[in-house]
Amino acid sequence: MSERAGIGARVAAIAYRNVMRVAGGVAVAGALLPGGGRRWPTLAGRLGALPAADQATARGGPALWLHAASVGELFAARGLLGRLRERFPGRVSVVSTLTATGLARARELPEAHLAMLLPLDSPGIVRRRLEPFRLEAFLFTETEIWPTLLDALADRGVPAIMVSGRVSERTAARARWLRPLYAPALAGVTCCMQTDDDARRIVALGADPRRVHVAGSLKFDAPAASPPAEVSRVAEALGARRMLVAGSTHEGEDEALLAAYVQLVAEYPDLVLLLAPRHPERRAAVAGAVDTAGLPLVRYTTLVAGAAPALPAGPVVVLLDAIGPLAHLYGLGVLAFVGGSLVPAGGHNVLEPARAGRGVVVGPHTENAGDAVPRLVAGGGAVQVPSTQALAPALARLLGDSERLTDMGRRARALVERGGGAVERHLKIIATRLSASRFALPGESASA
């Protein structure tokens, strides 16, 4: 590294750490305001606190820690977590997420001994969180690059491994500005990337090319969980009616889907629309949008709780107000729309409906889905619409062609099955890295 680049990296690191210190102070101040007390449990975890029982678990032996920001990434990593426990028995399996919702789901994972929130990326908080652990490795998914944490791990000689790594075009376009901060943090990280493009982009951000591998997306190997018992009650309520499942929707998409549904149900009166907002806190707003559209609303939890689940005749919208059933509800639909794609949010997991054997419709913004969308479109398992205005006509054409819907679902499922093997590729790279790290001195890294 040149002297000029080194100075830039130090300045970037100092500025970043000061910003994170301020962020911690602002978070604490916000929790002290009226009504902020409800945020204390989450805030305590983000500030590095661990309950006494979790501290005892953390001190129970050498540990492997995997961080996944979202619920989707967490469940995609389950197969890898299970194989790591088989390959490295006797380790404490630690999982972290960023949100209270993710933490609740992480605590349900049989593959994890301990679930916690990721600490704020501030030096003192990171030190506090690392103190109870004897970490043998830190694994982190997709784009979760936290410079302070990675630097602290490197100082302790703990190998850091990015799994199912992804770098969007938007992030890559900012490489000139991000590299001074990211390059020192990524210097010793082993990067298991989803695609060749992701590998190229992580190198542009400062990763060592010798430690960059293409291992595929763990979402292709996500294990199939047993559906909650109540999902069968939705099938009972549907009867012979068809359902369009719109998953992980964002503000602006629900309104577009409702407008499209009003048009579609005039042609296909048997059609039911299920809306699953990406963020649970938006459920009230989505319910309001349904009311504004003049459509009857049935909440999922109400539907499945009834003694004899039934839907009203005519147009009806089901609002998914529970975490977890979406992947299984895709299988009850005849067609899936995956959100975050009509608005510039980058798109969400298209492999869940594809794995369920359902054709997929997405909008133009799908950069976060990696190469899954282009592969599904090329393989005939998905349709990508260029705009909101194109949504209703595209859905109408598909709903009017049952043979094509069946063929799309078959092709989508086949693509997921062909894309498997990422867990074993990751495991081989991780095992090599951990084996080599045993002979490295603190602060050094193996070449894997």
Protein backbone atom coordinates (compact mmCIF):
# COMPACT_ATOMS: atom_id res chain seq x y z
CA MET A 1 0.00 0.00 0.00
CA SER A 2 1.35 3.42 -0.96
CA GLU A 3 1.93 6.06 1.72
CA ARG A 4 -0.91 8.17 0.29
CA ALA A 5 -3.30 5.21 0.28
CA GLY A 6 -2.25 4.31 3.81
CA ILE A 7 -3.03 7.82 5.04
CA GLY A 8 -6.42 7.68 3.31
CA ALA A 9 -7.22 4.36 4.98
CA ARG A 10 -6.28 5.68 8.42
CA VAL A 11 -8.36 8.82 7.96
CA ALA A 12 -11.34 6.73 6.76
CA ALA A 13 -11.00 4.37 9.74
CA ILE A 14 -10.84 7.22 12.27
CA ALA A 15 -13.84 8.96 10.73
CA TYR A 16 -15.85 5.73 10.63
CA ARG A 17 -15.15 4.86 14.25
CA ASN A 18 -16.09 8.35 15.41
CA VAL A 19 -19.35 8.12 13.46
CA MET A 20 -20.15 4.76 15.09
CA ARG A 21 -19.41 6.15 18.55
CA VAL A 22 -21.83 8.99 17.88
CA ALA A 23 -24.40 6.50 16.55
CA GLY A 24 -24.21 4.58 19.82
CA GLY A 25 -24.75 7.75 21.81
CA VAL A 26 -27.71 8.77 19.66
CA ALA A 27 -29.28 5.31 20.08
CA VAL A 28 -28.98 5.53 23.86
CA ALA A 29 -30.39 9.06 23.89
CA GLY A 30 -33.33 7.94 21.77
CA ALA A 31 -34.11 5.12 24.17
CA LEU A 32 -34.23 7.64 27.04
CA LEU A 33 -36.91 9.71 25.33
CA PRO A 34 -40.59 9.15 26.21
CA GLY A 35 -41.73 5.89 24.66
CA GLY A 36 -38.15 4.79 23.99
CA GLY A 37 -38.08 2.23 26.77
CA ARG A 38 -39.47 -0.47 24.49
CA ARG A 39 -36.19 -0.29 22.55
CA TRP A 40 -34.02 -1.10 25.57
CA PRO A 41 -33.91 -4.91 25.11
CA THR A 42 -32.76 -4.56 21.51
CA LEU A 43 -30.44 -1.66 22.31
CA ALA A 44 -28.75 -3.56 25.15
CA GLY A 45 -27.87 -6.34 22.73
CA ARG A 46 -26.55 -3.90 20.13
CA LEU A 47 -24.40 -2.28 22.88
CA GLY A 48 -22.70 -5.61 23.57
CA ALA A 49 -24.65 -6.88 26.58
CA LEU A 50 -25.28 -10.61 26.97
CA PRO A 51 -27.65 -12.17 29.53
CA ALA A 52 -25.91 -14.21 32.22
CA ALA A 53 -27.13 -17.51 30.75
CA ASP A 54 -25.76 -16.59 27.31
CA GLN A 55 -22.44 -15.56 28.84
CA ALA A 56 -22.17 -19.00 30.45
CA THR A 57 -22.86 -20.61 27.05
CA ALA A 58 -20.32 -18.34 25.37
CA ARG A 59 -17.63 -19.40 27.85
CA GLY A 60 -18.47 -23.07 27.39
CA GLY A 61 -15.81 -23.81 24.78
CA PRO A 62 -14.35 -22.79 21.43
CA ALA A 63 -16.97 -21.14 19.24
CA LEU A 64 -17.94 -20.62 15.61
CA TRP A 65 -19.98 -17.44 15.02
CA LEU A 66 -22.15 -16.85 11.96
CA HIS A 67 -23.79 -13.47 11.32
CA ALA A 68 -26.79 -13.13 8.98
CA ALA A 69 -28.50 -9.76 8.69
CA SER A 70 -31.93 -10.87 7.55
CA VAL A 71 -34.26 -13.76 8.33
CA GLY A 72 -33.87 -14.96 4.74
CA GLU A 73 -30.07 -15.06 4.98
CA LEU A 74 -30.33 -16.78 8.34
CA PHE A 75 -32.45 -19.61 6.99
CA ALA A 76 -30.34 -19.88 3.84
CA ALA A 77 -27.33 -20.53 6.10
CA ARG A 78 -29.00 -23.32 8.09
CA GLY A 79 -27.58 -26.06 5.89
CA LEU A 80 -24.07 -24.69 6.33
CA LEU A 81 -24.55 -24.34 10.09
CA GLY A 82 -25.60 -27.96 10.32
CA ARG A 83 -22.61 -29.18 8.32
CA LEU A 84 -20.23 -27.04 10.39
CA ARG A 85 -21.50 -28.66 13.57
CA GLU A 86 -20.87 -32.08 12.02
CA ARG A 87 -17.42 -31.14 10.72
CA PHE A 88 -16.30 -29.29 13.87
CA PRO A 89 -17.99 -31.02 16.81
CA GLY A 90 -17.65 -29.67 20.33
CA ARG A 91 -17.85 -26.02 19.25
CA VAL A 92 -20.37 -23.52 20.53
CA SER A 93 -22.51 -22.55 17.53
CA VAL A 94 -23.29 -18.81 17.70
CA VAL A 95 -25.70 -16.94 15.42
CA SER A 96 -26.29 -13.19 15.27
CA THR A 97 -28.75 -10.96 13.42
CA LEU A 98 -29.52 -7.25 13.25
CA THR A 99 -33.15 -7.09 14.35
CA ALA A 100 -35.39 -8.29 17.17
CA THR A 101 -37.47 -10.24 14.63
CA GLY A 102 -34.37 -11.96 13.30
CA LEU A 103 -33.22 -12.72 16.85
CA ALA A 104 -36.53 -14.38 17.67
CA ARG A 105 -36.20 -16.61 14.62
CA ALA A 106 -32.54 -17.37 15.35
CA ARG A 107 -33.45 -18.60 18.81
CA GLU A 108 -35.66 -21.22 17.18
CA LEU A 109 -32.81 -22.75 15.15
CA PRO A 110 -31.78 -26.19 16.40
CA GLU A 111 -28.38 -25.66 14.73
CA ALA A 112 -27.47 -22.78 17.09
CA HIS A 113 -26.47 -22.98 20.77
CA LEU A 114 -26.65 -19.21 21.25
CA ALA A 115 -28.42 -16.40 19.37
CA MET A 116 -27.68 -12.71 19.84
CA LEU A 117 -27.75 -9.32 18.16
CA LEU A 118 -24.72 -8.05 16.28
CA PRO A 119 -23.02 -5.30 18.33
CA LEU A 120 -22.77 -1.77 17.02
CA ASP A 121 -19.51 -1.45 15.11
CA SER A 122 -17.82 0.77 17.70
CA PRO A 123 -14.44 -0.24 19.26
CA GLY A 124 -15.52 -0.38 22.92
CA ILE A 125 -18.76 -2.19 22.15
CA VAL A 126 -17.03 -4.74 19.91
CA ARG A 127 -14.43 -5.47 22.60
CA ARG A 128 -17.19 -6.00 25.15
CA ARG A 129 -19.02 -8.45 22.91
CA LEU A 130 -15.93 -10.47 21.99
CA GLU A 131 -14.65 -10.82 25.56
CA PRO A 132 -16.61 -13.94 26.63
CA PHE A 133 -15.86 -15.95 23.49
CA ARG A 134 -13.01 -18.20 22.43
CA LEU A 135 -13.72 -17.75 18.75
CA GLU A 136 -12.22 -20.08 16.18
CA ALA A 137 -13.95 -18.35 13.24
CA PHE A 138 -16.37 -15.59 12.34
CA LEU A 139 -18.57 -16.15 9.28
CA PHE A 140 -20.74 -13.41 7.80
CA THR A 141 -23.22 -13.47 4.96
CA GLU A 142 -23.59 -11.50 1.75
CA THR A 143 -22.59 -7.83 2.21
CA GLU A 144 -22.25 -7.53 5.99
CA ILE A 145 -18.83 -5.82 6.11
CA TRP A 146 -18.22 -4.26 9.55
CA PRO A 147 -14.68 -2.78 9.60
CA THR A 148 -14.26 -2.37 13.38
CA LEU A 149 -15.38 -5.91 14.11
CA LEU A 150 -13.22 -7.38 11.35
CA ASP A 151 -10.18 -5.42 12.58
CA ALA A 152 -10.75 -6.64 16.14
CA LEU A 153 -11.00 -10.24 14.95
CA ALA A 154 -7.80 -9.90 12.93
CA ASP A 155 -6.00 -8.54 16.02
CA ARG A 156 -7.07 -11.69 17.89
CA GLY A 157 -6.01 -14.02 15.09
CA VAL A 158 -9.62 -15.13 14.44
CA PRO A 159 -10.25 -16.12 10.82
CA ALA A 160 -13.07 -14.14 9.15
CA ILE A 161 -14.94 -15.74 6.24
CA MET A 162 -17.59 -14.15 4.04
CA VAL A 163 -20.13 -16.78 2.97
CA SER A 164 -22.57 -16.55 0.07
CA GLY A 165 -20.90 -13.20 -0.59
CA ARG A 166 -22.56 -10.65 -2.79
CA VAL A 167 -21.61 -7.13 -3.91
CA SER A 168 -24.26 -5.14 -5.78
CA GLU A 169 -23.49 -2.97 -8.79
CA ARG A 170 -24.48 0.04 -6.68
CA THR A 171 -21.86 -0.79 -4.04
CA ALA A 172 -19.26 -1.55 -6.69
CA ALA A 173 -19.89 1.87 -8.25
CA ARG A 174 -18.88 3.41 -4.92
CA ALA A 175 -15.67 1.37 -4.68
CA ARG A 176 -13.50 4.47 -5.08
CA TRP A 177 -14.98 5.91 -1.88
CA LEU A 178 -15.44 2.66 0.07
CA ARG A 179 -12.06 1.07 -0.67
CA PRO A 180 -10.03 3.17 1.84
CA LEU A 181 -12.34 1.90 4.59
CA TYR A 182 -13.00 -1.64 3.36
CA ALA A 183 -9.58 -2.65 2.04
CA PRO A 184 -7.83 -2.89 5.46
CA ALA A 185 -10.83 -4.75 6.92
CA LEU A 186 -11.00 -7.21 4.00
CA ALA A 187 -7.27 -7.80 3.76
CA GLY A 188 -7.32 -11.07 5.70
CA VAL A 189 -10.88 -12.16 4.94
CA THR A 190 -11.58 -15.32 2.98
CA CYS A 191 -14.40 -14.44 0.57
CA CYS A 192 -16.76 -17.15 -0.70
CA MET A 193 -18.69 -15.26 -3.36
CA GLN A 194 -21.90 -16.18 -5.20
CA THR A 195 -20.79 -15.36 -8.76
CA ASP A 196 -17.79 -14.34 -10.83
CA ASP A 197 -19.14 -10.78 -10.91
CA ASP A 198 -19.37 -10.71 -7.11
CA ALA A 199 -15.78 -11.97 -6.91
CA ARG A 200 -14.59 -9.21 -9.21
CA ARG A 201 -16.44 -6.56 -7.23
CA ILE A 202 -15.15 -7.67 -3.82
CA VAL A 203 -11.60 -7.45 -5.18
CA ALA A 204 -12.36 -3.91 -6.35
CA LEU A 205 -13.37 -3.10 -2.76
CA GLY A 206 -9.99 -4.28 -1.50
CA ALA A 207 -10.17 -8.04 -0.91
CA ASP A 208 -7.04 -10.09 -1.60
CA PRO A 209 -7.64 -11.96 -4.89
CA ARG A 210 -5.80 -14.99 -3.48
CA ARG A 211 -8.50 -15.34 -0.83
CA VAL A 212 -11.50 -14.88 -3.13
CA HIS A 213 -13.44 -17.95 -4.28
CA VAL A 214 -16.68 -18.51 -6.20
CA ALA A 215 -18.79 -20.92 -4.15
CA GLY A 216 -22.37 -20.13 -5.18
CA SER A 217 -25.38 -18.98 -3.19
CA LEU A 218 -26.40 -20.81 -0.03
CA LYS A 219 -30.01 -19.97 -0.86
CA PHE A 220 -29.96 -22.71 -3.50
CA ASP A 221 -29.24 -25.24 -0.72
CA ALA A 222 -31.62 -23.83 1.91
CA PRO A 223 -33.18 -26.83 3.68
CA ALA A 224 -36.91 -27.31 3.31
CA ALA A 225 -38.61 -26.81 6.66
CA SER A 226 -41.84 -28.50 7.64
CA PRO A 227 -44.79 -26.19 7.05
CA PRO A 228 -46.63 -24.86 10.10
CA ALA A 229 -49.77 -26.89 10.76
CA GLU A 230 -52.01 -23.91 10.09
CA VAL A 231 -50.89 -23.60 6.47
CA SER A 232 -53.15 -26.50 5.59
CA ARG A 233 -56.06 -24.42 6.87
CA VAL A 234 -55.33 -21.82 4.20
CA ALA A 235 -55.56 -24.54 1.56
CA GLU A 236 -58.88 -25.60 3.09
CA ALA A 237 -60.17 -22.04 2.98
CA LEU A 238 -59.13 -21.61 -0.65
CA GLY A 239 -60.90 -24.70 -1.87
CA ALA A 240 -60.93 -24.55 -5.67
CA ARG A 241 -59.95 -20.88 -5.81
CA ARG A 242 -56.57 -19.71 -7.09
CA MET A 243 -54.19 -17.45 -5.16
CA LEU A 244 -51.57 -14.94 -6.29
CA VAL A 245 -48.90 -14.72 -3.56
CA ALA A 246 -47.04 -11.40 -3.35
CA GLY A 247 -44.09 -11.78 -0.99
CA SER A 248 -41.72 -9.28 0.64
CA THR A 249 -43.55 -6.24 -0.69
CA HIS A 250 -42.47 -2.64 -0.09
CA GLU A 251 -44.31 0.66 0.06
CA GLY A 252 -45.57 1.48 -3.42
CA GLU A 253 -45.75 -2.16 -4.45
CA ASP A 254 -48.80 -3.05 -2.38
CA GLU A 255 -50.74 -0.24 -4.04
CA ALA A 256 -49.61 -1.40 -7.49
CA LEU A 257 -50.60 -5.00 -6.72
CA LEU A 258 -53.99 -3.95 -5.39
CA ALA A 259 -54.67 -1.91 -8.54
CA ALA A 260 -53.61 -4.86 -10.68
CA TYR A 261 -55.78 -7.22 -8.61
CA VAL A 262 -58.87 -5.08 -9.18
CA GLN A 263 -58.30 -5.50 -12.92
CA LEU A 264 -57.46 -9.20 -12.70
CA VAL A 265 -60.38 -10.28 -10.54
CA ALA A 266 -62.81 -8.85 -13.10
CA GLU A 267 -61.43 -11.40 -15.57
CA TYR A 268 -60.61 -14.14 -13.07
CA PRO A 269 -63.26 -13.98 -10.32
CA ASP A 270 -61.82 -17.00 -8.52
CA LEU A 271 -58.56 -15.17 -7.78
CA VAL A 272 -57.39 -14.39 -4.21
CA LEU A 273 -54.49 -12.02 -3.49
CA LEU A 274 -52.13 -12.63 -0.57
CA LEU A 275 -49.91 -9.71 0.48
CA ALA A 276 -46.86 -10.35 2.66
CA PRO A 277 -45.15 -7.04 3.56
CA ARG A 278 -41.38 -7.26 3.88
CA HIS A 279 -41.39 -5.31 7.15
CA PRO A 280 -43.91 -6.31 9.87
CA GLU A 281 -44.34 -2.70 11.00
CA ARG A 282 -45.97 -1.92 7.63
CA ARG A 283 -48.92 -4.26 8.14
CA ALA A 284 -51.24 -1.51 9.37
CA ALA A 285 -50.38 0.65 6.36
CA VAL A 286 -51.02 -2.25 3.98
CA ALA A 287 -54.36 -2.94 5.65
CA GLY A 288 -55.21 0.73 5.10
CA ALA A 289 -54.27 0.47 1.42
CA VAL A 290 -56.58 -2.54 1.03
CA ASP A 291 -59.41 -0.57 2.63
CA THR A 292 -58.72 2.41 0.34
CA ALA A 293 -58.91 0.06 -2.66
CA GLY A 294 -62.39 -0.99 -1.48
CA LEU A 295 -61.43 -4.65 -1.09
CA PRO A 296 -62.34 -7.06 1.72
CA LEU A 297 -59.41 -7.93 4.00
CA VAL A 298 -58.79 -11.16 5.90
CA ARG A 299 -55.79 -11.44 8.20
CA TYR A 300 -53.83 -14.69 8.03
CA THR A 301 -53.88 -15.21 11.79
CA THR A 302 -57.65 -14.74 11.86
CA LEU A 303 -58.15 -17.09 8.92
CA VAL A 304 -56.18 -19.97 10.40
CA ALA A 305 -57.63 -19.52 13.89
CA GLY A 306 -61.23 -20.07 12.81
CA ALA A 307 -63.00 -23.33 13.60
CA ALA A 308 -63.99 -23.64 9.93
CA PRO A 309 -61.60 -21.46 7.90
CA ALA A 310 -63.36 -19.76 5.02
CA LEU A 311 -62.93 -16.81 2.71
CA PRO A 312 -65.74 -14.49 1.67
CA ALA A 313 -67.04 -14.89 -1.85
CA GLY A 314 -65.77 -12.49 -4.48
CA PRO A 315 -62.57 -10.42 -4.39
CA VAL A 316 -60.57 -10.78 -1.17
CA VAL A 317 -57.07 -9.91 0.04
CA VAL A 318 -55.30 -12.00 2.66
CA LEU A 319 -52.74 -10.08 4.71
CA LEU A 320 -49.91 -12.24 6.04
CA ASP A 321 -49.44 -10.99 9.61
CA ALA A 322 -47.10 -13.74 10.84
CA ILE A 323 -43.38 -14.46 10.41
CA GLY A 324 -42.40 -17.77 8.87
CA PRO A 325 -45.22 -19.16 6.69
CA LEU A 326 -44.42 -17.26 3.47
CA ALA A 327 -42.13 -19.91 1.95
CA HIS A 328 -44.88 -22.51 2.41
CA LEU A 329 -47.68 -20.23 1.24
CA TYR A 330 -45.88 -19.79 -2.08
CA GLY A 331 -46.68 -23.45 -2.71
CA LEU A 332 -50.41 -22.81 -2.27
CA GLY A 333 -50.43 -20.11 -4.91
CA VAL A 334 -50.50 -20.55 -8.66
CA LEU A 335 -48.05 -17.70 -9.23
CA ALA A 336 -45.68 -15.60 -7.11
CA PHE A 337 -44.65 -11.99 -7.18
CA VAL A 338 -41.45 -11.19 -5.25
CA GLY A 339 -41.20 -7.64 -3.94
CA GLY A 340 -38.52 -5.06 -3.58
CA SER A 341 -38.34 -5.23 -7.35
CA LEU A 342 -40.96 -2.75 -8.60
CA VAL A 343 -39.36 -0.12 -6.37
CA PRO A 344 -35.57 0.39 -6.20
CA ALA A 345 -34.97 -1.86 -3.19
CA GLY A 346 -32.88 -4.46 -5.03
CA GLY A 347 -35.34 -7.35 -4.90
CA HIS A 348 -35.66 -10.29 -2.52
CA ASN A 349 -35.41 -14.07 -2.51
CA VAL A 350 -36.87 -15.52 -5.70
CA LEU A 351 -35.62 -19.01 -4.87
CA GLU A 352 -38.29 -19.63 -2.22
CA PRO A 353 -41.20 -19.66 -4.70
CA ALA A 354 -39.02 -21.38 -7.30
CA ARG A 355 -38.22 -24.14 -4.81
CA ALA A 356 -41.96 -24.47 -4.19
CA GLY A 357 -42.43 -25.09 -7.92
CA ARG A 358 -44.09 -21.79 -8.72
CA GLY A 359 -43.38 -19.38 -11.54
CA VAL A 360 -42.10 -15.98 -10.44
CA VAL A 361 -42.85 -12.41 -11.52
CA VAL A 362 -40.49 -9.58 -10.58
CA GLY A 363 -39.98 -5.94 -11.45
CA PRO A 364 -36.86 -4.31 -12.91
CA HIS A 365 -34.90 -3.87 -9.64
CA THR A 366 -33.37 -7.25 -8.81
CA GLU A 367 -29.66 -6.59 -8.28
CA ASN A 368 -29.73 -8.04 -4.74
CA ALA A 369 -30.87 -11.41 -6.08
CA GLY A 370 -27.53 -12.00 -7.82
CA ASP A 371 -27.79 -14.10 -10.94
CA ALA A 372 -30.89 -16.00 -9.79
CA VAL A 373 -33.33 -13.76 -11.66
CA PRO A 374 -31.49 -13.80 -15.01
CA ARG A 375 -31.15 -17.57 -14.74
CA LEU A 376 -34.82 -18.03 -13.93
CA VAL A 377 -35.90 -15.72 -16.75
CA ALA A 378 -33.57 -17.42 -19.25
CA GLY A 379 -34.77 -20.83 -18.11
CA GLY A 380 -38.44 -19.98 -18.46
CA GLY A 381 -39.19 -20.00 -14.72
CA ALA A 382 -39.73 -16.28 -14.27
CA VAL A 383 -41.02 -13.16 -16.01
CA GLN A 384 -39.47 -9.75 -15.39
CA VAL A 385 -41.68 -6.73 -16.04
CA PRO A 386 -40.08 -3.36 -16.86
CA SER A 387 -42.49 -1.17 -14.89
CA THR A 388 -45.51 -0.96 -12.62
CA GLN A 389 -47.71 -0.33 -15.65
CA ALA A 390 -46.63 -3.63 -17.18
CA LEU A 391 -47.52 -5.67 -14.08
CA ALA A 392 -51.26 -6.24 -14.58
CA PRO A 393 -51.02 -7.23 -18.29
CA ALA A 394 -48.19 -9.68 -17.53
CA LEU A 395 -50.10 -11.28 -14.67
CA ALA A 396 -53.26 -11.50 -16.79
CA ARG A 397 -51.43 -13.33 -19.58
CA LEU A 398 -49.94 -15.85 -17.17
CA LEU A 399 -53.15 -16.48 -15.24
CA GLY A 400 -54.92 -17.12 -18.52
CA ASP A 401 -52.46 -19.86 -19.51
CA SER A 402 -52.55 -22.69 -17.00
CA GLU A 403 -50.25 -24.84 -19.11
CA ARG A 404 -47.58 -22.13 -19.07
CA LEU A 405 -47.96 -21.67 -15.29
CA THR A 406 -47.34 -25.37 -14.77
CA ASP A 407 -44.33 -25.32 -17.07
CA MET A 408 -42.88 -22.21 -15.36
CA GLY A 409 -43.15 -23.88 -11.97
CA ARG A 410 -41.44 -27.03 -13.21
CA ARG A 411 -38.62 -25.05 -14.79
CA ALA A 412 -38.17 -22.88 -11.70
CA ARG A 413 -37.87 -25.89 -9.39
CA ALA A 414 -35.44 -27.62 -11.75
CA LEU A 415 -33.17 -24.55 -11.75
CA VAL A 416 -33.01 -24.56 -7.94
CA GLU A 417 -32.18 -28.25 -7.90
CA ARG A 418 -29.41 -27.80 -10.48
CA GLY A 419 -27.93 -24.88 -8.50
CA GLY A 420 -27.28 -26.97 -5.40
CA GLY A 421 -23.89 -27.86 -3.94
CA ALA A 422 -23.00 -24.46 -2.49
CA VAL A 423 -22.92 -25.77 1.09
CA GLU A 424 -20.28 -28.38 0.30
CA ARG A 425 -18.20 -25.91 -1.69
CA HIS A 426 -18.32 -23.48 1.22
CA LEU A 427 -17.50 -26.18 3.73
CA LYS A 428 -14.38 -27.24 1.82
CA ILE A 429 -13.06 -23.66 1.68
CA ILE A 430 -13.88 -23.03 5.36
CA ALA A 431 -12.23 -26.27 6.50
CA THR A 432 -9.07 -25.39 4.58
CA ARG A 433 -9.03 -21.91 6.08
CA LEU A 434 -9.53 -23.11 9.65
CA SER A 435 -6.99 -25.90 9.31
CA ALA A 436 -4.38 -23.46 7.98
CA SER A 437 -5.19 -20.87 10.65
CA ARG A 438 -4.06 -23.18 13.42
CA PHE A 439 -0.48 -22.61 12.29
CA ALA A 440 -0.81 -18.84 11.91
CA LEU A 441 0.33 -16.40 14.53
CA PRO A 442 -2.15 -13.81 15.86
CA GLY A 443 -2.59 -11.09 13.29
CA GLU A 444 -1.52 -13.34 10.41
CA SER A 445 -3.84 -15.01 7.95
CA ALA A 446 -3.78 -18.20 5.96
CA SER A 447 -3.85 -17.91 2.19
CA ALA A 448 -7.24 -19.59 1.74
